[in-house]
Protein backbone atom coordinates (compact mmCIF):
# COMPACT_ATOMS: atom_id res chain seq x y z
CA PRO A 1 -30.74 -92.67 -31.31
CA LEU A 2 -28.36 -95.05 -30.71
CA PRO A 3 -29.89 -98.30 -27.91
CA LYS A 4 -28.15 -97.78 -24.04
CA ILE A 5 -25.37 -100.03 -23.39
CA ASP A 6 -23.36 -100.11 -20.83
CA VAL A 7 -20.30 -99.41 -20.37
CA HIS A 8 -18.87 -103.16 -18.74
CA GLU A 9 -21.20 -104.71 -21.49
CA PRO A 10 -20.09 -107.99 -22.28
CA ALA A 11 -20.50 -107.49 -25.94
CA LEU A 12 -18.99 -104.13 -26.18
CA HIS A 13 -16.34 -105.54 -24.38
CA ARG A 14 -15.98 -108.01 -27.34
CA GLU A 15 -16.12 -105.70 -30.14
CA LEU A 16 -13.69 -102.97 -29.80
CA LYS A 17 -11.54 -105.94 -27.77
CA PRO A 18 -9.54 -106.55 -31.35
CA LEU A 19 -8.77 -102.30 -31.33
CA MET A 20 -6.33 -102.99 -28.06
CA ASN A 21 -3.51 -104.62 -27.44
CA ARG A 22 -3.05 -107.88 -26.86
CA GLY A 23 -4.24 -108.95 -22.83
CA ALA A 24 -6.00 -105.48 -22.74
CA ASP A 25 -8.15 -105.59 -19.52
CA MET A 26 -11.37 -104.16 -20.62
CA THR A 27 -13.07 -103.76 -17.93
CA LYS A 28 -10.16 -101.50 -16.48
CA ALA A 29 -10.30 -99.34 -20.42
CA ALA A 30 -14.19 -99.00 -20.57
CA ASP A 31 -13.43 -97.42 -16.45
CA GLY A 32 -14.74 -93.86 -16.36
CA PHE A 33 -15.76 -93.47 -19.56
CA ARG A 34 -19.84 -91.43 -19.42
CA SER A 35 -20.75 -94.20 -21.97
CA ALA A 36 -20.54 -96.81 -24.52
CA GLU A 37 -20.13 -94.14 -27.36
CA GLN A 38 -17.55 -92.11 -26.15
CA PHE A 39 -15.89 -95.48 -24.50
CA ALA A 40 -15.66 -96.76 -28.84
CA THR A 41 -15.17 -93.49 -29.83
CA VAL A 42 -11.46 -93.24 -27.69
CA ALA A 43 -11.05 -96.93 -28.85
CA TYR A 44 -11.49 -96.65 -32.94
CA ALA A 45 -9.66 -93.22 -32.22
CA SER A 46 -6.78 -95.42 -30.45
CA HIS A 47 -7.03 -97.99 -32.90
CA ASN A 48 -7.03 -96.01 -36.91
CA THR A 49 -4.90 -93.37 -35.91
CA GLY A 50 -1.83 -95.74 -34.02
CA VAL A 51 -2.05 -93.44 -30.93
CA PRO A 52 -2.01 -95.41 -27.67
CA PHE A 53 -5.39 -95.64 -26.12
CA VAL A 54 -4.70 -94.80 -22.54
CA VAL A 55 -3.10 -91.61 -23.79
CA LEU A 56 -6.30 -90.65 -25.58
CA LYS A 57 -8.07 -91.91 -22.66
CA HIS A 58 -6.07 -89.76 -19.88
CA ARG A 59 -6.03 -87.01 -21.89
CA VAL A 60 -10.03 -87.26 -22.94
CA LEU A 61 -11.01 -87.94 -19.88
CA ASP A 62 -8.04 -86.80 -17.15
CA GLU A 63 -7.64 -84.01 -18.89
CA GLY A 64 -11.13 -83.13 -20.12
CA ARG A 65 -9.26 -82.64 -23.19
CA THR A 66 -11.52 -82.90 -27.16
CA LEU A 67 -10.59 -86.70 -28.90
CA THR A 68 -9.57 -84.01 -31.52
CA SER A 69 -7.21 -81.97 -29.32
CA ALA A 70 -5.75 -85.69 -28.34
CA ILE A 71 -5.29 -86.84 -31.25
CA ARG A 72 -3.46 -83.47 -32.97
CA GLU A 73 -1.08 -83.76 -30.10
CA SER A 74 0.05 -86.88 -31.09
CA GLN A 75 -0.40 -86.87 -34.12
CA PRO A 76 0.12 -83.70 -36.15
CA ALA A 77 -0.02 -85.07 -39.49
CA ALA A 78 -3.53 -87.00 -39.02
CA ASP A 79 -6.51 -84.74 -40.19
CA ALA A 80 -7.72 -84.77 -36.57
CA THR A 81 -11.29 -83.45 -37.19
CA SER A 82 -11.73 -86.40 -39.95
CA GLU A 83 -10.34 -88.92 -37.58
CA VAL A 84 -13.27 -88.57 -34.90
CA GLN A 85 -15.69 -88.67 -37.35
CA ARG A 86 -14.95 -91.94 -38.88
CA ALA A 87 -14.20 -93.33 -35.45
CA ARG A 88 -17.67 -91.82 -34.40
CA ALA A 89 -19.28 -93.56 -37.07
CA GLU A 90 -17.98 -97.38 -36.26
CA ALA A 91 -18.88 -96.53 -33.35
CA ARG A 92 -21.89 -96.00 -33.27
CA SER A 93 -22.20 -98.72 -36.00
CA THR A 94 -20.65 -101.06 -33.63
CA ILE A 95 -23.12 -99.63 -31.05
CA LEU A 96 -26.02 -99.95 -32.95
CA SER A 97 -25.26 -104.00 -34.24
CA ILE A 98 -25.50 -104.63 -30.00
CA GLY A 99 -27.94 -103.31 -29.34
CA SER A 100 -30.43 -104.66 -32.75
């Protein structure tokens, strides 16, 4: 199991900040996510697919969509399922590195 890390954990923000637009407010970016894994997965998916983080966050948190469908809507040519698996693996790796 993954270590329990808060979405507002400074180490998590340091790891994810390079994935965000320069000057991103990491506290605001993290707001609303129910887990560090969910936050990190959306951040990695955004970075990897080029879909803006705020767009993915809005579709997942506000519209209640799956990350796969949120990516598919913006990037129909992308393999959304593979992108989500890749982003989740990267997120888990990041969380394990922080929590160990």
